[in-house]
């Protein structure tokens, strides 16, 4: 069965590295990264004479949801041509929204595809250090207002997605250390390879 894989987590948990390693390990994969849309989004800030701040009310109102809509539409189109599409994006609100997930699953069913959510579990301390190390302008406000930012971030596993009868609907990728990463990559790759054959 075809699959849409969402590699999700709060920012700086290691989604991009995890996503790229999974995409490399699997076969017949289209890799999509929502951050590829950032240059377009920056132009929207510029055109609206707004400060570039991806934590702002302006971003939430005029950009955020449209980035997600665009990347999911690209993924659904790509599923016509290949077996697996993997999206690297936080999906922090969407994966806890029952109506959103059910609508996405129904859309995928029309394409003979299933939804897999991979939650990258990383400690808050490791995320903070990774955000400092990557030194990206998208994190400027977050780091300058760390306590305020982190208070609004949900690091809990989205267990609402887990159906005990489905082996690959929610997979937890532990990523606070190199050993955790290696173990999780082997385990999850094996599960995805097996369930894609079914």
C-alpha atoms as a PDB file:
ATOM      1  CA  UNK A   1       0.000   0.000   0.000  1.00  0.00           C
ATOM      2  CA  UNK A   2       1.157   3.538  -0.755  1.00  0.00           C
ATOM      3  CA  UNK A   3       2.029   5.788   2.175  1.00  0.00           C
ATOM      4  CA  UNK A   4       2.083   9.437   3.097  1.00  0.00           C
ATOM      5  CA  UNK A   5       4.636   9.784   5.901  1.00  0.00           C
ATOM      6  CA  UNK A   6       4.592  12.889   8.060  1.00  0.00           C
ATOM      7  CA  UNK A   7       7.812  13.321  10.042  1.00  0.00           C
ATOM      8  CA  UNK A   8       6.700  15.639  12.804  1.00  0.00           C
ATOM      9  CA  UNK A   9       7.833  17.227  16.061  1.00  0.00           C
ATOM     10  CA  UNK A  10       8.429  20.652  17.570  1.00  0.00           C
ATOM     11  CA  UNK A  11      11.201  22.709  15.915  1.00  0.00           C
ATOM     12  CA  UNK A  12      14.857  21.650  16.362  1.00  0.00           C
ATOM     13  CA  UNK A  13      14.076  18.051  17.343  1.00  0.00           C
ATOM     14  CA  UNK A  14      16.049  16.814  14.344  1.00  0.00           C
ATOM     15  CA  UNK A  15      13.201  16.309  11.852  1.00  0.00           C
ATOM     16  CA  UNK A  16      15.231  17.233   8.801  1.00  0.00           C
ATOM     17  CA  UNK A  17      18.117  14.870   9.537  1.00  0.00           C
ATOM     18  CA  UNK A  18      15.731  12.068  10.515  1.00  0.00           C
ATOM     19  CA  UNK A  19      13.606  12.668   7.409  1.00  0.00           C
ATOM     20  CA  UNK A  20      16.553  12.608   5.026  1.00  0.00           C
ATOM     21  CA  UNK A  21      18.014   9.467   6.572  1.00  0.00           C
ATOM     22  CA  UNK A  22      14.648   7.695   6.371  1.00  0.00           C
ATOM     23  CA  UNK A  23      14.137   8.827   2.781  1.00  0.00           C
ATOM     24  CA  UNK A  24      17.590   7.490   1.912  1.00  0.00           C
ATOM     25  CA  UNK A  25      16.946   4.149   3.637  1.00  0.00           C
ATOM     26  CA  UNK A  26      13.558   3.528   2.012  1.00  0.00           C
ATOM     27  CA  UNK A  27      12.793   2.771  -1.636  1.00  0.00           C
ATOM     28  CA  UNK A  28      10.531   4.685  -4.039  1.00  0.00           C
ATOM     29  CA  UNK A  29      10.311   7.827  -1.901  1.00  0.00           C
ATOM     30  CA  UNK A  30       9.482  11.411  -2.815  1.00  0.00           C
ATOM     31  CA  UNK A  31      10.974  13.733  -0.173  1.00  0.00           C
ATOM     32  CA  UNK A  32       9.285  17.068   0.528  1.00  0.00           C
ATOM     33  CA  UNK A  33      10.400  19.688   3.053  1.00  0.00           C
ATOM     34  CA  UNK A  34       8.019  22.489   4.056  1.00  0.00           C
ATOM     35  CA  UNK A  35      11.038  24.743   4.638  1.00  0.00           C
ATOM     36  CA  UNK A  36      11.497  24.789   0.854  1.00  0.00           C
ATOM     37  CA  UNK A  37       8.540  27.206   0.851  1.00  0.00           C
ATOM     38  CA  UNK A  38      10.263  29.687   3.194  1.00  0.00           C
ATOM     39  CA  UNK A  39      11.752  31.901   0.425  1.00  0.00           C
ATOM     40  CA  UNK A  40       8.228  32.434  -0.937  1.00  0.00           C
ATOM     41  CA  UNK A  41       6.887  33.137   2.548  1.00  0.00           C
ATOM     42  CA  UNK A  42       9.664  35.684   3.156  1.00  0.00           C
ATOM     43  CA  UNK A  43       8.443  37.597   0.117  1.00  0.00           C
ATOM     44  CA  UNK A  44       4.947  37.742   1.622  1.00  0.00           C
ATOM     45  CA  UNK A  45       6.400  39.359   4.769  1.00  0.00           C
ATOM     46  CA  UNK A  46       8.320  41.780   2.563  1.00  0.00           C
ATOM     47  CA  UNK A  47       5.344  42.646   0.355  1.00  0.00           C
ATOM     48  CA  UNK A  48       3.219  43.318   3.432  1.00  0.00           C
ATOM     49  CA  UNK A  49       5.937  45.446   5.079  1.00  0.00           C
ATOM     50  CA  UNK A  50       6.025  43.050   8.027  1.00  0.00           C
ATOM     51  CA  UNK A  51       9.010  42.045  10.150  1.00  0.00           C
ATOM     52  CA  UNK A  52      10.157  38.516   9.302  1.00  0.00           C
ATOM     53  CA  UNK A  53       8.870  36.577  12.314  1.00  0.00           C
ATOM     54  CA  UNK A  54       7.493  33.068  11.893  1.00  0.00           C
ATOM     55  CA  UNK A  55       6.025  33.244  15.403  1.00  0.00           C
ATOM     56  CA  UNK A  56       3.991  36.386  14.697  1.00  0.00           C
ATOM     57  CA  UNK A  57       0.239  36.885  14.438  1.00  0.00           C
ATOM     58  CA  UNK A  58       0.780  37.930  10.796  1.00  0.00           C
ATOM     59  CA  UNK A  59       2.448  34.600   9.995  1.00  0.00           C
ATOM     60  CA  UNK A  60      -0.326  32.655  11.722  1.00  0.00           C
ATOM     61  CA  UNK A  61      -3.049  34.561   9.900  1.00  0.00           C
ATOM     62  CA  UNK A  62      -1.663  34.812   6.373  1.00  0.00           C
ATOM     63  CA  UNK A  63       1.103  32.239   5.811  1.00  0.00           C
ATOM     64  CA  UNK A  64       1.220  29.227   8.127  1.00  0.00           C
ATOM     65  CA  UNK A  65      -1.846  27.263   7.034  1.00  0.00           C
ATOM     66  CA  UNK A  66      -1.184  27.958   3.361  1.00  0.00           C
ATOM     67  CA  UNK A  67       2.325  26.483   3.628  1.00  0.00           C
ATOM     68  CA  UNK A  68       0.784  23.287   5.017  1.00  0.00           C
ATOM     69  CA  UNK A  69      -1.972  23.214   2.419  1.00  0.00           C
ATOM     70  CA  UNK A  70       0.580  23.601  -0.377  1.00  0.00           C
ATOM     71  CA  UNK A  71       2.994  20.931   0.841  1.00  0.00           C
ATOM     72  CA  UNK A  72       0.173  18.408   1.399  1.00  0.00           C
ATOM     73  CA  UNK A  73      -1.260  19.122  -2.068  1.00  0.00           C
ATOM     74  CA  UNK A  74       2.186  18.504  -3.576  1.00  0.00           C
ATOM     75  CA  UNK A  75       2.412  15.233  -1.643  1.00  0.00           C
ATOM     76  CA  UNK A  76      -1.002  14.012  -2.774  1.00  0.00           C
ATOM     77  CA  UNK A  77      -0.075  14.749  -6.360  1.00  0.00           C
ATOM     78  CA  UNK A  78       3.255  12.933  -5.998  1.00  0.00           C
ATOM     79  CA  UNK A  79       1.496   9.813  -4.667  1.00  0.00           C
ATOM     80  CA  UNK A  80       0.031   9.332  -8.131  1.00  0.00           C
ATOM     81  CA  UNK A  81       3.544   8.593  -9.407  1.00  0.00           C
ATOM     82  CA  UNK A  82       5.365   6.846  -6.561  1.00  0.00           C
ATOM     83  CA  UNK A  83       4.729   4.587  -3.550  1.00  0.00           C
ATOM     84  CA  UNK A  84       5.850   6.751  -0.629  1.00  0.00           C
ATOM     85  CA  UNK A  85       5.835  10.491  -0.064  1.00  0.00           C
ATOM     86  CA  UNK A  86       7.596  11.780   3.037  1.00  0.00           C
ATOM     87  CA  UNK A  87       6.919  15.299   4.315  1.00  0.00           C
ATOM     88  CA  UNK A  88       9.314  16.942   6.746  1.00  0.00           C
ATOM     89  CA  UNK A  89       7.258  19.519   8.691  1.00  0.00           C
ATOM     90  CA  UNK A  90       6.188  20.152  12.304  1.00  0.00           C
ATOM     91  CA  UNK A  91       2.395  19.649  11.776  1.00  0.00           C
ATOM     92  CA  UNK A  92       2.143  20.580  15.464  1.00  0.00           C
ATOM     93  CA  UNK A  93      -1.508  21.665  15.317  1.00  0.00           C
ATOM     94  CA  UNK A  94      -2.693  19.321  12.586  1.00  0.00           C
ATOM     95  CA  UNK A  95      -1.676  16.025  14.186  1.00  0.00           C
ATOM     96  CA  UNK A  96      -3.765  16.847  17.271  1.00  0.00           C
ATOM     97  CA  UNK A  97      -6.788  17.877  15.184  1.00  0.00           C
ATOM     98  CA  UNK A  98      -9.033  14.818  14.808  1.00  0.00           C
ATOM     99  CA  UNK A  99     -11.090  16.320  11.961  1.00  0.00           C
ATOM    100  CA  UNK A 100      -7.954  17.249   9.987  1.00  0.00           C
ATOM    101  CA  UNK A 101      -6.426  13.781  10.352  1.00  0.00           C
ATOM    102  CA  UNK A 102      -9.647  11.977   9.440  1.00  0.00           C
ATOM    103  CA  UNK A 103     -10.123  14.153   6.344  1.00  0.00           C
ATOM    104  CA  UNK A 104      -6.529  13.497   5.285  1.00  0.00           C
ATOM    105  CA  UNK A 105      -6.950   9.737   5.797  1.00  0.00           C
ATOM    106  CA  UNK A 106     -10.125   9.782   3.708  1.00  0.00           C
ATOM    107  CA  UNK A 107      -8.331  11.677   0.941  1.00  0.00           C
ATOM    108  CA  UNK A 108      -5.490   9.158   1.038  1.00  0.00           C
ATOM    109  CA  UNK A 109      -7.899   6.235   0.902  1.00  0.00           C
ATOM    110  CA  UNK A 110      -9.024   7.472  -2.520  1.00  0.00           C
ATOM    111  CA  UNK A 111      -5.418   7.036  -3.657  1.00  0.00           C
ATOM    112  CA  UNK A 112      -5.030   3.596  -2.062  1.00  0.00           C
ATOM    113  CA  UNK A 113      -2.638   5.136   0.455  1.00  0.00           C
ATOM    114  CA  UNK A 114      -2.364   5.205   4.237  1.00  0.00           C
ATOM    115  CA  UNK A 115      -1.110   7.820   6.683  1.00  0.00           C
ATOM    116  CA  UNK A 116       1.988   7.271   8.812  1.00  0.00           C
ATOM    117  CA  UNK A 117       2.991   9.820  11.448  1.00  0.00           C
ATOM    118  CA  UNK A 118       6.563   9.610  12.731  1.00  0.00           C
ATOM    119  CA  UNK A 119       6.972  11.653  15.906  1.00  0.00           C
ATOM    120  CA  UNK A 120      10.574  12.681  16.574  1.00  0.00           C
ATOM    121  CA  UNK A 121      10.972  12.597  20.343  1.00  0.00           C
ATOM    122  CA  UNK A 122      13.831  14.763  21.620  1.00  0.00           C
ATOM    123  CA  UNK A 123      14.449  16.342  25.008  1.00  0.00           C
ATOM    124  CA  UNK A 124      13.746  20.066  25.349  1.00  0.00           C
ATOM    125  CA  UNK A 125      17.363  20.702  26.408  1.00  0.00           C
ATOM    126  CA  UNK A 126      18.719  19.015  23.274  1.00  0.00           C
ATOM    127  CA  UNK A 127      16.269  20.979  21.095  1.00  0.00           C
ATOM    128  CA  UNK A 128      17.396  24.257  22.656  1.00  0.00           C
ATOM    129  CA  UNK A 129      21.055  23.498  21.978  1.00  0.00           C
ATOM    130  CA  UNK A 130      20.343  22.369  18.409  1.00  0.00           C
ATOM    131  CA  UNK A 131      18.449  25.591  17.750  1.00  0.00           C
ATOM    132  CA  UNK A 132      21.432  27.596  19.014  1.00  0.00           C
ATOM    133  CA  UNK A 133      23.849  25.522  16.927  1.00  0.00           C
ATOM    134  CA  UNK A 134      21.928  25.812  13.664  1.00  0.00           C
ATOM    135  CA  UNK A 135      21.942  29.642  13.972  1.00  0.00           C
ATOM    136  CA  UNK A 136      18.974  30.227  11.654  1.00  0.00           C
ATOM    137  CA  UNK A 137      17.092  33.515  11.265  1.00  0.00           C
ATOM    138  CA  UNK A 138      13.809  31.599  11.596  1.00  0.00           C
ATOM    139  CA  UNK A 139      14.779  30.963  15.252  1.00  0.00           C
ATOM    140  CA  UNK A 140      15.832  34.510  16.204  1.00  0.00           C
ATOM    141  CA  UNK A 141      12.599  35.378  17.986  1.00  0.00           C
ATOM    142  CA  UNK A 142      12.311  31.916  19.572  1.00  0.00           C
ATOM    143  CA  UNK A 143      15.766  32.044  21.138  1.00  0.00           C
ATOM    144  CA  UNK A 144      15.363  35.646  22.275  1.00  0.00           C
ATOM    145  CA  UNK A 145      12.052  34.757  23.938  1.00  0.00           C
ATOM    146  CA  UNK A 146      12.798  31.139  24.864  1.00  0.00           C
ATOM    147  CA  UNK A 147      10.639  30.843  27.998  1.00  0.00           C
ATOM    148  CA  UNK A 148       7.614  32.374  26.277  1.00  0.00           C
ATOM    149  CA  UNK A 149       8.140  30.297  23.147  1.00  0.00           C
ATOM    150  CA  UNK A 150       8.652  26.956  24.896  1.00  0.00           C
ATOM    151  CA  UNK A 151       5.589  27.452  27.124  1.00  0.00           C
ATOM    152  CA  UNK A 152       3.403  27.210  24.013  1.00  0.00           C
ATOM    153  CA  UNK A 153       5.067  24.101  22.542  1.00  0.00           C
ATOM    154  CA  UNK A 154       3.589  20.657  23.162  1.00  0.00           C
ATOM    155  CA  UNK A 155       6.335  18.023  23.396  1.00  0.00           C
ATOM    156  CA  UNK A 156       3.941  15.218  24.355  1.00  0.00           C
ATOM    157  CA  UNK A 157       3.517  12.245  22.024  1.00  0.00           C
ATOM    158  CA  UNK A 158       0.292  12.630  19.964  1.00  0.00           C
ATOM    159  CA  UNK A 159      -1.126   9.346  21.257  1.00  0.00           C
ATOM    160  CA  UNK A 160      -4.540  10.247  19.808  1.00  0.00           C
ATOM    161  CA  UNK A 161      -3.154   8.974  16.484  1.00  0.00           C
ATOM    162  CA  UNK A 162      -2.344   5.487  17.747  1.00  0.00           C
ATOM    163  CA  UNK A 163      -4.710   2.668  16.786  1.00  0.00           C
ATOM    164  CA  UNK A 164      -3.417  -0.524  18.482  1.00  0.00           C
ATOM    165  CA  UNK A 165      -4.637  -2.538  15.477  1.00  0.00           C
ATOM    166  CA  UNK A 166      -2.405  -0.590  13.063  1.00  0.00           C
ATOM    167  CA  UNK A 167       1.339  -1.176  13.341  1.00  0.00           C
ATOM    168  CA  UNK A 168       2.528   1.955  11.515  1.00  0.00           C
ATOM    169  CA  UNK A 169      -0.012   4.727  12.109  1.00  0.00           C
ATOM    170  CA  UNK A 170       2.156   6.341  14.817  1.00  0.00           C
ATOM    171  CA  UNK A 171       5.867   5.573  15.120  1.00  0.00           C
ATOM    172  CA  UNK A 172       8.104   7.169  17.748  1.00  0.00           C
ATOM    173  CA  UNK A 173      11.613   8.075  16.602  1.00  0.00           C
ATOM    174  CA  UNK A 174      13.756   8.728  19.676  1.00  0.00           C
ATOM    175  CA  UNK A 175      16.454  11.240  18.845  1.00  0.00           C
ATOM    176  CA  UNK A 176      18.145  12.705  21.926  1.00  0.00           C
ATOM    177  CA  UNK A 177      21.437  10.853  21.294  1.00  0.00           C
ATOM    178  CA  UNK A 178      23.342   9.094  18.510  1.00  0.00           C
ATOM    179  CA  UNK A 179      22.494   5.671  19.960  1.00  0.00           C
ATOM    180  CA  UNK A 180      18.786   6.488  20.102  1.00  0.00           C
ATOM    181  CA  UNK A 181      18.917   7.725  16.522  1.00  0.00           C
ATOM    182  CA  UNK A 182      20.625   4.591  15.170  1.00  0.00           C
ATOM    183  CA  UNK A 183      18.259   2.244  16.977  1.00  0.00           C
ATOM    184  CA  UNK A 184      15.161   4.172  15.889  1.00  0.00           C
ATOM    185  CA  UNK A 185      16.289   4.372  12.258  1.00  0.00           C
ATOM    186  CA  UNK A 186      16.755   0.596  12.038  1.00  0.00           C
ATOM    187  CA  UNK A 187      13.475  -0.173  13.807  1.00  0.00           C
ATOM    188  CA  UNK A 188      11.280   2.245  11.872  1.00  0.00           C
ATOM    189  CA  UNK A 189      12.837   1.487   8.484  1.00  0.00           C
ATOM    190  CA  UNK A 190      12.113  -2.210   9.031  1.00  0.00           C
ATOM    191  CA  UNK A 191       8.478  -1.518   9.975  1.00  0.00           C
ATOM    192  CA  UNK A 192       7.910   0.739   6.961  1.00  0.00           C
ATOM    193  CA  UNK A 193       9.510  -1.704   4.527  1.00  0.00           C
ATOM    194  CA  UNK A 194       7.341  -4.536   5.846  1.00  0.00           C
ATOM    195  CA  UNK A 195       4.064  -2.627   5.793  1.00  0.00           C
ATOM    196  CA  UNK A 196       4.695  -1.184   2.314  1.00  0.00           C
ATOM    197  CA  UNK A 197       4.888  -4.739   0.973  1.00  0.00           C
ATOM    198  CA  UNK A 198       1.472  -5.649   2.412  1.00  0.00           C
END
